[in-house]
Amino acid sequence: MNSDMNQLASLVTTRAADDEAFRARLLSAPRAAIEDLLGRSLPEDLEIHVHQETPGQLHLVLPAGAARSEAIPDGELGLSGGIPVYFDSTDRDAPAGSRP
């Protein structure tokens, strides 16, 4: 996700956390809700998917494109319960607990 999309996501999620009516509209008509928030139209080719997590659900968003992956080093296997886990090698500098 690029910087503009990150800023938009942050703006929208902050507003949804503070405004229940906006949150409801975001879930039912995401494009209209975001366009009203921004005061301008979004590109027609931009697809918008809004999901609300509930207990017992996990929503994952994968980055665009195929990223080179590698196994977690043996010293970090405790984080995965011994199950082989792979992560995007660009995340190598992320704190171990922040990796999926």
Foldseek 3Di string as FASTA:
>chain_A
DDPVVVVLVVVLVVVVVVDVVLVVCCQVPVQVSSCVVVVHHDDPPDDDDDDDDDPPDDDDDDDPDDADKDWDDPVLCVVVVVDTDIDRPVCVPPPSVVTD
